[in-house]
């Protein structure tokens, strides 16, 4: 297993970049703040911004499709009872330095809630049942060297010591994802608070192999090809581990072959990069490729690239 160090000086803010290009679905006001819903059905992100407390839940008609909640700096309280309670698909919440209080049942009965990121050095005050009935293995991510403050506060009633991770650095967070959990996992292996570094590891499962880490926004991604990375955290940063059956270069581009389920022979070949493809390096799989996806940035498909692909049904 190889290990590569990565140093970031460019802002890769998860809540600002990835959502900036997303389509707005709905928006409005909530107390002294505003909210906007972006994304696609069953995978919405709700972003709250402003100066002051939220109040009520005007997004109620979308509650079962919200997967991520991002509260931006300036919001002081997640107010009004039951702000997000019962949001059955909610998996991740990001809470900034400025939030000092979270009201009754704000995230109660969010059974899919797995990750809560809090940037405040002083634990925000929790009202009654703020995080009741969330996923039993949910992780609370808190600032480095502030774990004791949270474990000695009301937060401990919802997150055991084993489920608290001190991996927020100077208010910055690192998010680690898998492109397809059925193909492989991605995780934070270790944290060094003094050096502000995190070691992340990708592990392929079944018939799959690790392909690469992807970081950055859609228009300007960065790629890293070692399964273990040591990352110096200077900005809010997201890494996604990509897996596949096989992969490689084709001209100025890269290709990766994936399969919905190992052994079913239903391959998808995806090509990405900037420039033209060249040759047919996936030749040994040609009779099993059913779908070809050419991503934005590829300028030309080279000669005989997919000729003879007898099972190809969709491009």
C-alpha atoms as a PDB file:
ATOM      1  CA  UNK A   1       0.000   0.000   0.000  1.00  0.00           C
ATOM      2  CA  UNK A   2       1.481   3.311  -1.062  1.00  0.00           C
ATOM      3  CA  UNK A   3       0.993   6.557   0.791  1.00  0.00           C
ATOM      4  CA  UNK A   4       0.969  10.005  -0.796  1.00  0.00           C
ATOM      5  CA  UNK A   5       0.994  13.394   0.923  1.00  0.00           C
ATOM      6  CA  UNK A   6      -1.343  16.055  -0.440  1.00  0.00           C
ATOM      7  CA  UNK A   7      -1.211  19.749   0.462  1.00  0.00           C
ATOM      8  CA  UNK A   8      -4.111  22.089  -0.334  1.00  0.00           C
ATOM      9  CA  UNK A   9      -3.946  25.832  -0.800  1.00  0.00           C
ATOM     10  CA  UNK A  10      -7.012  26.176  -2.991  1.00  0.00           C
ATOM     11  CA  UNK A  11     -10.492  26.552  -1.540  1.00  0.00           C
ATOM     12  CA  UNK A  12     -12.546  23.456  -2.192  1.00  0.00           C
ATOM     13  CA  UNK A  13     -15.470  24.318   0.034  1.00  0.00           C
ATOM     14  CA  UNK A  14     -17.942  21.478  -0.026  1.00  0.00           C
ATOM     15  CA  UNK A  15     -20.905  23.684   0.702  1.00  0.00           C
ATOM     16  CA  UNK A  16     -20.000  26.496  -1.681  1.00  0.00           C
ATOM     17  CA  UNK A  17     -18.500  24.843  -4.744  1.00  0.00           C
ATOM     18  CA  UNK A  18     -20.498  21.688  -5.172  1.00  0.00           C
ATOM     19  CA  UNK A  19     -23.792  23.426  -4.605  1.00  0.00           C
ATOM     20  CA  UNK A  20     -23.013  26.498  -6.728  1.00  0.00           C
ATOM     21  CA  UNK A  21     -23.654  24.632  -9.953  1.00  0.00           C
ATOM     22  CA  UNK A  22     -26.677  22.685  -8.675  1.00  0.00           C
ATOM     23  CA  UNK A  23     -30.166  23.493  -9.898  1.00  0.00           C
ATOM     24  CA  UNK A  24     -32.405  25.376  -7.489  1.00  0.00           C
ATOM     25  CA  UNK A  25     -35.596  23.495  -6.682  1.00  0.00           C
ATOM     26  CA  UNK A  26     -37.206  25.752  -4.068  1.00  0.00           C
ATOM     27  CA  UNK A  27     -36.317  28.627  -1.736  1.00  0.00           C
ATOM     28  CA  UNK A  28     -37.771  30.983   0.824  1.00  0.00           C
ATOM     29  CA  UNK A  29     -37.333  32.547   4.253  1.00  0.00           C
ATOM     30  CA  UNK A  30     -37.207  30.955   7.696  1.00  0.00           C
ATOM     31  CA  UNK A  31     -37.107  33.353  10.621  1.00  0.00           C
ATOM     32  CA  UNK A  32     -34.260  35.821  10.031  1.00  0.00           C
ATOM     33  CA  UNK A  33     -32.683  33.546   7.425  1.00  0.00           C
ATOM     34  CA  UNK A  34     -33.182  32.268   3.911  1.00  0.00           C
ATOM     35  CA  UNK A  35     -33.122  28.690   2.619  1.00  0.00           C
ATOM     36  CA  UNK A  36     -32.576  27.142  -0.779  1.00  0.00           C
ATOM     37  CA  UNK A  37     -33.082  23.569  -1.916  1.00  0.00           C
ATOM     38  CA  UNK A  38     -30.833  22.223  -4.689  1.00  0.00           C
ATOM     39  CA  UNK A  39     -30.185  18.892  -6.356  1.00  0.00           C
ATOM     40  CA  UNK A  40     -32.412  16.228  -7.805  1.00  0.00           C
ATOM     41  CA  UNK A  41     -35.371  14.240  -6.493  1.00  0.00           C
ATOM     42  CA  UNK A  42     -34.417  11.919  -3.628  1.00  0.00           C
ATOM     43  CA  UNK A  43     -31.055  13.699  -3.240  1.00  0.00           C
ATOM     44  CA  UNK A  44     -31.668  17.277  -2.159  1.00  0.00           C
ATOM     45  CA  UNK A  45     -29.332  19.607  -0.290  1.00  0.00           C
ATOM     46  CA  UNK A  46     -30.881  22.322   1.875  1.00  0.00           C
ATOM     47  CA  UNK A  47     -28.659  25.330   2.555  1.00  0.00           C
ATOM     48  CA  UNK A  48     -29.560  27.913   5.195  1.00  0.00           C
ATOM     49  CA  UNK A  49     -27.941  31.359   5.299  1.00  0.00           C
ATOM     50  CA  UNK A  50     -28.396  34.761   6.914  1.00  0.00           C
ATOM     51  CA  UNK A  51     -27.886  36.443  10.288  1.00  0.00           C
ATOM     52  CA  UNK A  52     -30.023  35.176  13.126  1.00  0.00           C
ATOM     53  CA  UNK A  53     -32.167  32.155  13.903  1.00  0.00           C
ATOM     54  CA  UNK A  54     -34.219  29.959  11.624  1.00  0.00           C
ATOM     55  CA  UNK A  55     -37.872  29.442  12.532  1.00  0.00           C
ATOM     56  CA  UNK A  56     -40.288  26.767  11.347  1.00  0.00           C
ATOM     57  CA  UNK A  57     -39.907  24.261   8.516  1.00  0.00           C
ATOM     58  CA  UNK A  58     -41.160  25.761   5.243  1.00  0.00           C
ATOM     59  CA  UNK A  59     -39.402  22.912   3.398  1.00  0.00           C
ATOM     60  CA  UNK A  60     -41.786  20.368   4.920  1.00  0.00           C
ATOM     61  CA  UNK A  61     -43.113  19.061   1.582  1.00  0.00           C
ATOM     62  CA  UNK A  62     -39.571  17.955   0.683  1.00  0.00           C
ATOM     63  CA  UNK A  63     -38.680  16.459   4.062  1.00  0.00           C
ATOM     64  CA  UNK A  64     -38.302  12.841   2.929  1.00  0.00           C
ATOM     65  CA  UNK A  65     -35.958  13.720   0.053  1.00  0.00           C
ATOM     66  CA  UNK A  66     -33.465  16.007   1.862  1.00  0.00           C
ATOM     67  CA  UNK A  67     -30.132  14.180   2.242  1.00  0.00           C
ATOM     68  CA  UNK A  68     -27.815  17.019   3.269  1.00  0.00           C
ATOM     69  CA  UNK A  69     -28.317  20.131   5.391  1.00  0.00           C
ATOM     70  CA  UNK A  70     -25.674  22.879   5.249  1.00  0.00           C
ATOM     71  CA  UNK A  71     -26.025  25.787   7.680  1.00  0.00           C
ATOM     72  CA  UNK A  72     -23.779  28.666   6.635  1.00  0.00           C
ATOM     73  CA  UNK A  73     -21.789  31.082   8.783  1.00  0.00           C
ATOM     74  CA  UNK A  74     -23.973  33.848  10.222  1.00  0.00           C
ATOM     75  CA  UNK A  75     -26.916  31.693  11.272  1.00  0.00           C
ATOM     76  CA  UNK A  76     -27.005  31.804  15.087  1.00  0.00           C
ATOM     77  CA  UNK A  77     -29.587  29.156  15.961  1.00  0.00           C
ATOM     78  CA  UNK A  78     -31.511  26.315  14.387  1.00  0.00           C
ATOM     79  CA  UNK A  79     -34.761  27.596  15.810  1.00  0.00           C
ATOM     80  CA  UNK A  80     -38.407  26.665  15.942  1.00  0.00           C
ATOM     81  CA  UNK A  81     -39.285  23.206  17.137  1.00  0.00           C
ATOM     82  CA  UNK A  82     -38.880  20.188  14.838  1.00  0.00           C
ATOM     83  CA  UNK A  83     -36.863  22.090  12.194  1.00  0.00           C
ATOM     84  CA  UNK A  84     -35.754  18.879  10.453  1.00  0.00           C
ATOM     85  CA  UNK A  85     -37.326  16.185  12.597  1.00  0.00           C
ATOM     86  CA  UNK A  86     -38.602  13.218  10.655  1.00  0.00           C
ATOM     87  CA  UNK A  87     -36.469  13.910   7.577  1.00  0.00           C
ATOM     88  CA  UNK A  88     -36.109  10.200   6.876  1.00  0.00           C
ATOM     89  CA  UNK A  89     -33.372  10.449   4.208  1.00  0.00           C
ATOM     90  CA  UNK A  90     -31.206  13.058   5.956  1.00  0.00           C
ATOM     91  CA  UNK A  91     -27.655  11.662   6.173  1.00  0.00           C
ATOM     92  CA  UNK A  92     -25.336  14.625   6.765  1.00  0.00           C
ATOM     93  CA  UNK A  93     -25.504  17.975   8.586  1.00  0.00           C
ATOM     94  CA  UNK A  94     -22.906  20.785   8.645  1.00  0.00           C
ATOM     95  CA  UNK A  95     -23.135  23.377  11.440  1.00  0.00           C
ATOM     96  CA  UNK A  96     -20.884  26.503  11.461  1.00  0.00           C
ATOM     97  CA  UNK A  97     -19.055  28.405  14.214  1.00  0.00           C
ATOM     98  CA  UNK A  98     -21.883  30.934  14.541  1.00  0.00           C
ATOM     99  CA  UNK A  99     -24.599  28.533  15.708  1.00  0.00           C
ATOM    100  CA  UNK A 100     -24.920  28.681  19.503  1.00  0.00           C
ATOM    101  CA  UNK A 101     -28.224  26.840  20.020  1.00  0.00           C
ATOM    102  CA  UNK A 102     -30.216  24.009  18.450  1.00  0.00           C
ATOM    103  CA  UNK A 103     -33.869  23.899  19.425  1.00  0.00           C
ATOM    104  CA  UNK A 104     -36.237  21.093  20.482  1.00  0.00           C
ATOM    105  CA  UNK A 105     -36.353  18.045  18.213  1.00  0.00           C
ATOM    106  CA  UNK A 106     -34.398  19.905  15.515  1.00  0.00           C
ATOM    107  CA  UNK A 107     -33.009  16.629  14.126  1.00  0.00           C
ATOM    108  CA  UNK A 108     -35.082  14.176  16.112  1.00  0.00           C
ATOM    109  CA  UNK A 109     -36.217  10.970  14.394  1.00  0.00           C
ATOM    110  CA  UNK A 110     -33.827  11.442  11.454  1.00  0.00           C
ATOM    111  CA  UNK A 111     -33.124   7.735  11.314  1.00  0.00           C
ATOM    112  CA  UNK A 112     -30.609   7.931   8.445  1.00  0.00           C
ATOM    113  CA  UNK A 113     -28.474  10.686   9.968  1.00  0.00           C
ATOM    114  CA  UNK A 114     -24.890   9.376   9.988  1.00  0.00           C
ATOM    115  CA  UNK A 115     -22.561  12.415  10.073  1.00  0.00           C
ATOM    116  CA  UNK A 116     -22.881  15.728  11.945  1.00  0.00           C
ATOM    117  CA  UNK A 117     -20.057  18.268  11.436  1.00  0.00           C
ATOM    118  CA  UNK A 118     -19.819  21.057  14.028  1.00  0.00           C
ATOM    119  CA  UNK A 119     -17.198  23.811  13.655  1.00  0.00           C
ATOM    120  CA  UNK A 120     -17.807  25.651  16.942  1.00  0.00           C
ATOM    121  CA  UNK A 121     -15.082  25.328  19.581  1.00  0.00           C
ATOM    122  CA  UNK A 122     -17.743  25.829  22.276  1.00  0.00           C
ATOM    123  CA  UNK A 123     -20.493  23.207  21.996  1.00  0.00           C
ATOM    124  CA  UNK A 124     -23.788  24.774  20.880  1.00  0.00           C
ATOM    125  CA  UNK A 125     -26.543  24.502  23.470  1.00  0.00           C
ATOM    126  CA  UNK A 126     -28.966  21.661  22.788  1.00  0.00           C
ATOM    127  CA  UNK A 127     -32.643  21.909  23.693  1.00  0.00           C
ATOM    128  CA  UNK A 128     -34.834  18.890  24.427  1.00  0.00           C
ATOM    129  CA  UNK A 129     -34.465  15.848  22.153  1.00  0.00           C
ATOM    130  CA  UNK A 130     -32.395  17.774  19.587  1.00  0.00           C
ATOM    131  CA  UNK A 131     -30.857  14.584  18.164  1.00  0.00           C
ATOM    132  CA  UNK A 132     -33.143  11.882  19.521  1.00  0.00           C
ATOM    133  CA  UNK A 133     -33.693   8.710  17.512  1.00  0.00           C
ATOM    134  CA  UNK A 134     -30.993   9.222  14.904  1.00  0.00           C
ATOM    135  CA  UNK A 135     -28.867   6.368  13.507  1.00  0.00           C
ATOM    136  CA  UNK A 136     -27.198   4.442  16.338  1.00  0.00           C
ATOM    137  CA  UNK A 137     -23.800   4.634  14.604  1.00  0.00           C
ATOM    138  CA  UNK A 138     -23.992   8.344  13.766  1.00  0.00           C
ATOM    139  CA  UNK A 139     -20.671  10.194  14.090  1.00  0.00           C
ATOM    140  CA  UNK A 140     -20.221  13.675  15.553  1.00  0.00           C
ATOM    141  CA  UNK A 141     -17.264  15.486  13.945  1.00  0.00           C
ATOM    142  CA  UNK A 142     -15.886  18.237  16.208  1.00  0.00           C
ATOM    143  CA  UNK A 143     -12.855  20.565  16.227  1.00  0.00           C
ATOM    144  CA  UNK A 144      -9.463  19.020  16.925  1.00  0.00           C
ATOM    145  CA  UNK A 145      -8.620  19.029  20.635  1.00  0.00           C
ATOM    146  CA  UNK A 146     -12.234  19.941  21.543  1.00  0.00           C
ATOM    147  CA  UNK A 147     -13.582  16.426  21.917  1.00  0.00           C
ATOM    148  CA  UNK A 148     -13.510  16.649  25.723  1.00  0.00           C
ATOM    149  CA  UNK A 149     -15.666  19.779  25.671  1.00  0.00           C
ATOM    150  CA  UNK A 150     -18.320  17.986  23.629  1.00  0.00           C
ATOM    151  CA  UNK A 151     -18.113  14.723  25.578  1.00  0.00           C
ATOM    152  CA  UNK A 152     -18.711  16.672  28.797  1.00  0.00           C
ATOM    153  CA  UNK A 153     -21.722  18.539  27.388  1.00  0.00           C
ATOM    154  CA  UNK A 154     -25.295  17.647  26.453  1.00  0.00           C
ATOM    155  CA  UNK A 155     -23.993  16.324  23.126  1.00  0.00           C
ATOM    156  CA  UNK A 156     -22.750  13.243  24.952  1.00  0.00           C
ATOM    157  CA  UNK A 157     -26.363  12.221  25.471  1.00  0.00           C
ATOM    158  CA  UNK A 158     -26.705  11.585  21.734  1.00  0.00           C
ATOM    159  CA  UNK A 159     -23.156  10.674  20.666  1.00  0.00           C
ATOM    160  CA  UNK A 160     -21.035   8.344  22.766  1.00  0.00           C
ATOM    161  CA  UNK A 161     -17.326   8.972  23.143  1.00  0.00           C
ATOM    162  CA  UNK A 162     -16.671   6.251  20.561  1.00  0.00           C
ATOM    163  CA  UNK A 163     -18.900   8.078  18.089  1.00  0.00           C
ATOM    164  CA  UNK A 164     -17.140  11.442  18.419  1.00  0.00           C
ATOM    165  CA  UNK A 165     -14.339  12.251  15.980  1.00  0.00           C
ATOM    166  CA  UNK A 166     -12.013  15.227  16.534  1.00  0.00           C
ATOM    167  CA  UNK A 167     -11.316  15.815  12.852  1.00  0.00           C
ATOM    168  CA  UNK A 168     -12.356  19.424  12.203  1.00  0.00           C
ATOM    169  CA  UNK A 169      -9.234  21.594  11.784  1.00  0.00           C
ATOM    170  CA  UNK A 170      -9.357  25.326  12.553  1.00  0.00           C
ATOM    171  CA  UNK A 171     -12.971  25.184  11.535  1.00  0.00           C
ATOM    172  CA  UNK A 172     -12.272  23.238   8.328  1.00  0.00           C
ATOM    173  CA  UNK A 173     -13.635  19.793   7.599  1.00  0.00           C
ATOM    174  CA  UNK A 174     -12.633  16.919   5.348  1.00  0.00           C
ATOM    175  CA  UNK A 175     -15.332  14.712   3.852  1.00  0.00           C
ATOM    176  CA  UNK A 176     -14.473  11.249   2.533  1.00  0.00           C
ATOM    177  CA  UNK A 177     -16.883   9.440   0.214  1.00  0.00           C
ATOM    178  CA  UNK A 178     -17.072   6.343  -1.956  1.00  0.00           C
ATOM    179  CA  UNK A 179     -18.341   6.743  -5.516  1.00  0.00           C
ATOM    180  CA  UNK A 180     -20.160   3.438  -5.087  1.00  0.00           C
ATOM    181  CA  UNK A 181     -20.210   1.754  -1.654  1.00  0.00           C
ATOM    182  CA  UNK A 182     -20.935  -1.595  -3.337  1.00  0.00           C
ATOM    183  CA  UNK A 183     -17.533  -1.391  -5.074  1.00  0.00           C
ATOM    184  CA  UNK A 184     -15.400  -0.124  -2.212  1.00  0.00           C
ATOM    185  CA  UNK A 185     -15.166   1.913   0.956  1.00  0.00           C
ATOM    186  CA  UNK A 186     -13.484   5.195   1.841  1.00  0.00           C
ATOM    187  CA  UNK A 187     -12.564   6.190   5.366  1.00  0.00           C
ATOM    188  CA  UNK A 188     -10.454   8.424   7.593  1.00  0.00           C
ATOM    189  CA  UNK A 189      -7.776   6.123   9.012  1.00  0.00           C
ATOM    190  CA  UNK A 190      -6.005   8.522  11.377  1.00  0.00           C
ATOM    191  CA  UNK A 191      -5.912  12.160  12.481  1.00  0.00           C
ATOM    192  CA  UNK A 192      -2.947  14.271  13.609  1.00  0.00           C
ATOM    193  CA  UNK A 193      -4.278  17.417  15.288  1.00  0.00           C
ATOM    194  CA  UNK A 194      -0.842  18.971  15.805  1.00  0.00           C
ATOM    195  CA  UNK A 195       0.105  18.671  12.125  1.00  0.00           C
ATOM    196  CA  UNK A 196      -3.464  19.271  10.901  1.00  0.00           C
ATOM    197  CA  UNK A 197      -3.234  16.172   8.736  1.00  0.00           C
ATOM    198  CA  UNK A 198      -5.621  13.333   8.027  1.00  0.00           C
ATOM    199  CA  UNK A 199      -4.798   9.968   6.502  1.00  0.00           C
ATOM    200  CA  UNK A 200      -7.551   8.628   4.263  1.00  0.00           C
ATOM    201  CA  UNK A 201      -7.764   5.103   2.872  1.00  0.00           C
ATOM    202  CA  UNK A 202      -9.755   3.559   0.013  1.00  0.00           C
ATOM    203  CA  UNK A 203     -10.446  -0.190   0.006  1.00  0.00           C
ATOM    204  CA  UNK A 204     -11.936  -2.020  -2.985  1.00  0.00           C
ATOM    205  CA  UNK A 205     -14.318  -4.930  -2.455  1.00  0.00           C
ATOM    206  CA  UNK A 206     -15.270  -7.973  -4.501  1.00  0.00           C
ATOM    207  CA  UNK A 207     -14.062  -7.970  -8.096  1.00  0.00           C
ATOM    208  CA  UNK A 208     -13.239  -4.259  -8.062  1.00  0.00           C
ATOM    209  CA  UNK A 209      -9.986  -2.301  -7.894  1.00  0.00           C
ATOM    210  CA  UNK A 210      -9.218   1.142  -6.523  1.00  0.00           C
ATOM    211  CA  UNK A 211      -9.056   3.635  -9.405  1.00  0.00           C
ATOM    212  CA  UNK A 212      -8.358   7.099  -7.966  1.00  0.00           C
ATOM    213  CA  UNK A 213      -9.319   9.805  -5.508  1.00  0.00           C
ATOM    214  CA  UNK A 214     -11.218  12.752  -6.948  1.00  0.00           C
ATOM    215  CA  UNK A 215     -11.223  16.138  -5.236  1.00  0.00           C
ATOM    216  CA  UNK A 216     -12.540  19.524  -6.290  1.00  0.00           C
ATOM    217  CA  UNK A 217     -15.554  20.710  -8.238  1.00  0.00           C
ATOM    218  CA  UNK A 218     -16.983  19.286 -11.439  1.00  0.00           C
ATOM    219  CA  UNK A 219     -15.208  21.788 -13.699  1.00  0.00           C
ATOM    220  CA  UNK A 220     -11.799  21.617 -12.036  1.00  0.00           C
ATOM    221  CA  UNK A 221     -11.231  18.217 -10.404  1.00  0.00           C
ATOM    222  CA  UNK A 222      -7.944  16.991  -8.940  1.00  0.00           C
ATOM    223  CA  UNK A 223      -6.991  13.313  -9.079  1.00  0.00           C
ATOM    224  CA  UNK A 224      -4.717  11.198  -6.868  1.00  0.00           C
ATOM    225  CA  UNK A 225      -3.854   7.621  -7.701  1.00  0.00           C
ATOM    226  CA  UNK A 226      -2.585   6.151  -4.413  1.00  0.00           C
ATOM    227  CA  UNK A 227      -5.146   4.399  -2.229  1.00  0.00           C
ATOM    228  CA  UNK A 228      -3.707   5.990   0.925  1.00  0.00           C
ATOM    229  CA  UNK A 229      -3.313   9.769   1.154  1.00  0.00           C
ATOM    230  CA  UNK A 230      -1.984  12.059   3.874  1.00  0.00           C
ATOM    231  CA  UNK A 231      -3.940  15.286   3.546  1.00  0.00           C
ATOM    232  CA  UNK A 232      -3.033  18.625   5.144  1.00  0.00           C
ATOM    233  CA  UNK A 233      -6.351  20.307   5.850  1.00  0.00           C
ATOM    234  CA  UNK A 234      -6.406  24.033   5.044  1.00  0.00           C
ATOM    235  CA  UNK A 235      -9.892  24.321   3.552  1.00  0.00           C
ATOM    236  CA  UNK A 236     -13.203  22.474   3.642  1.00  0.00           C
ATOM    237  CA  UNK A 237     -12.288  19.565   1.376  1.00  0.00           C
ATOM    238  CA  UNK A 238     -14.102  16.571  -0.096  1.00  0.00           C
ATOM    239  CA  UNK A 239     -12.455  13.426  -1.466  1.00  0.00           C
ATOM    240  CA  UNK A 240     -14.327  10.740  -3.386  1.00  0.00           C
ATOM    241  CA  UNK A 241     -12.770   7.314  -3.948  1.00  0.00           C
ATOM    242  CA  UNK A 242     -13.546   5.822  -7.364  1.00  0.00           C
ATOM    243  CA  UNK A 243     -13.492   2.087  -8.084  1.00  0.00           C
ATOM    244  CA  UNK A 244     -13.878  -0.150 -11.105  1.00  0.00           C
ATOM    245  CA  UNK A 245     -13.282  -3.547 -12.696  1.00  0.00           C
ATOM    246  CA  UNK A 246     -10.464  -2.103 -14.786  1.00  0.00           C
ATOM    247  CA  UNK A 247      -9.157   1.287 -15.942  1.00  0.00           C
ATOM    248  CA  UNK A 248      -6.381   2.995 -17.836  1.00  0.00           C
ATOM    249  CA  UNK A 249      -5.378   5.664 -20.339  1.00  0.00           C
ATOM    250  CA  UNK A 250      -6.771   6.253 -23.824  1.00  0.00           C
ATOM    251  CA  UNK A 251      -5.046   9.127 -25.595  1.00  0.00           C
ATOM    252  CA  UNK A 252      -5.386  12.240 -23.437  1.00  0.00           C
ATOM    253  CA  UNK A 253      -8.198  10.668 -21.421  1.00  0.00           C
ATOM    254  CA  UNK A 254      -8.816   8.002 -18.795  1.00  0.00           C
ATOM    255  CA  UNK A 255     -11.314   5.154 -18.860  1.00  0.00           C
ATOM    256  CA  UNK A 256     -12.889   3.059 -16.127  1.00  0.00           C
ATOM    257  CA  UNK A 257     -15.030  -0.060 -16.431  1.00  0.00           C
ATOM    258  CA  UNK A 258     -17.688  -0.644 -13.772  1.00  0.00           C
ATOM    259  CA  UNK A 259     -20.257  -3.336 -13.121  1.00  0.00           C
ATOM    260  CA  UNK A 260     -23.459  -2.993 -11.102  1.00  0.00           C
ATOM    261  CA  UNK A 261     -22.902  -6.412  -9.540  1.00  0.00           C
ATOM    262  CA  UNK A 262     -19.777  -8.549  -9.761  1.00  0.00           C
ATOM    263  CA  UNK A 263     -20.210 -11.327 -12.275  1.00  0.00           C
ATOM    264  CA  UNK A 264     -23.356 -10.108 -14.018  1.00  0.00           C
ATOM    265  CA  UNK A 265     -21.474  -9.096 -17.181  1.00  0.00           C
ATOM    266  CA  UNK A 266     -23.267  -5.753 -17.408  1.00  0.00           C
ATOM    267  CA  UNK A 267     -20.377  -3.337 -17.901  1.00  0.00           C
ATOM    268  CA  UNK A 268     -20.419   0.458 -18.162  1.00  0.00           C
ATOM    269  CA  UNK A 269     -17.358   2.163 -19.638  1.00  0.00           C
ATOM    270  CA  UNK A 270     -16.857   5.803 -18.645  1.00  0.00           C
ATOM    271  CA  UNK A 271     -14.298   8.088 -20.315  1.00  0.00           C
ATOM    272  CA  UNK A 272     -13.172  11.404 -18.815  1.00  0.00           C
ATOM    273  CA  UNK A 273     -10.470  13.971 -19.399  1.00  0.00           C
ATOM    274  CA  UNK A 274      -9.583  16.800 -21.767  1.00  0.00           C
ATOM    275  CA  UNK A 275      -8.771  15.783 -25.311  1.00  0.00           C
ATOM    276  CA  UNK A 276      -9.264  12.832 -27.636  1.00  0.00           C
ATOM    277  CA  UNK A 277      -9.402   9.097 -26.981  1.00  0.00           C
ATOM    278  CA  UNK A 278      -6.985   6.855 -28.875  1.00  0.00           C
ATOM    279  CA  UNK A 279      -7.197   3.125 -29.475  1.00  0.00           C
ATOM    280  CA  UNK A 280      -9.320   0.454 -27.817  1.00  0.00           C
ATOM    281  CA  UNK A 281      -7.541  -0.506 -24.579  1.00  0.00           C
ATOM    282  CA  UNK A 282     -10.797  -2.079 -23.307  1.00  0.00           C
ATOM    283  CA  UNK A 283     -10.731  -4.585 -26.190  1.00  0.00           C
ATOM    284  CA  UNK A 284     -10.787  -7.673 -23.978  1.00  0.00           C
ATOM    285  CA  UNK A 285     -14.148  -6.525 -22.556  1.00  0.00           C
ATOM    286  CA  UNK A 286     -15.717  -5.441 -25.841  1.00  0.00           C
ATOM    287  CA  UNK A 287     -18.429  -8.095 -25.937  1.00  0.00           C
ATOM    288  CA  UNK A 288     -19.598  -7.283 -22.402  1.00  0.00           C
ATOM    289  CA  UNK A 289     -19.787  -3.472 -22.581  1.00  0.00           C
ATOM    290  CA  UNK A 290     -23.446  -2.438 -22.554  1.00  0.00           C
ATOM    291  CA  UNK A 291     -23.163   1.280 -21.824  1.00  0.00           C
ATOM    292  CA  UNK A 292     -20.616   3.944 -22.792  1.00  0.00           C
ATOM    293  CA  UNK A 293     -20.567   7.326 -21.036  1.00  0.00           C
ATOM    294  CA  UNK A 294     -18.380  10.100 -22.463  1.00  0.00           C
ATOM    295  CA  UNK A 295     -17.968  12.901 -19.933  1.00  0.00           C
ATOM    296  CA  UNK A 296     -17.687  16.640 -20.560  1.00  0.00           C
ATOM    297  CA  UNK A 297     -14.182  17.641 -21.631  1.00  0.00           C
ATOM    298  CA  UNK A 298     -13.518  14.786 -24.055  1.00  0.00           C
ATOM    299  CA  UNK A 299     -13.116  16.393 -27.500  1.00  0.00           C
ATOM    300  CA  UNK A 300     -12.995  13.416 -29.875  1.00  0.00           C
ATOM    301  CA  UNK A 301     -13.661   9.677 -29.981  1.00  0.00           C
ATOM    302  CA  UNK A 302     -10.810   7.964 -31.820  1.00  0.00           C
ATOM    303  CA  UNK A 303     -11.015   5.600 -34.775  1.00  0.00           C
ATOM    304  CA  UNK A 304     -12.690   2.186 -34.182  1.00  0.00           C
ATOM    305  CA  UNK A 305     -12.997   3.000 -30.489  1.00  0.00           C
ATOM    306  CA  UNK A 306     -16.033   0.789 -29.929  1.00  0.00           C
ATOM    307  CA  UNK A 307     -16.364  -1.110 -33.184  1.00  0.00           C
ATOM    308  CA  UNK A 308     -17.385  -4.710 -32.668  1.00  0.00           C
ATOM    309  CA  UNK A 309     -18.839  -4.129 -29.202  1.00  0.00           C
ATOM    310  CA  UNK A 310     -21.637  -6.617 -29.786  1.00  0.00           C
ATOM    311  CA  UNK A 311     -23.559  -5.944 -26.565  1.00  0.00           C
ATOM    312  CA  UNK A 312     -23.333  -2.140 -26.604  1.00  0.00           C
ATOM    313  CA  UNK A 313     -26.876  -0.785 -26.189  1.00  0.00           C
ATOM    314  CA  UNK A 314     -26.490   2.813 -25.014  1.00  0.00           C
ATOM    315  CA  UNK A 315     -24.025   5.664 -25.546  1.00  0.00           C
END
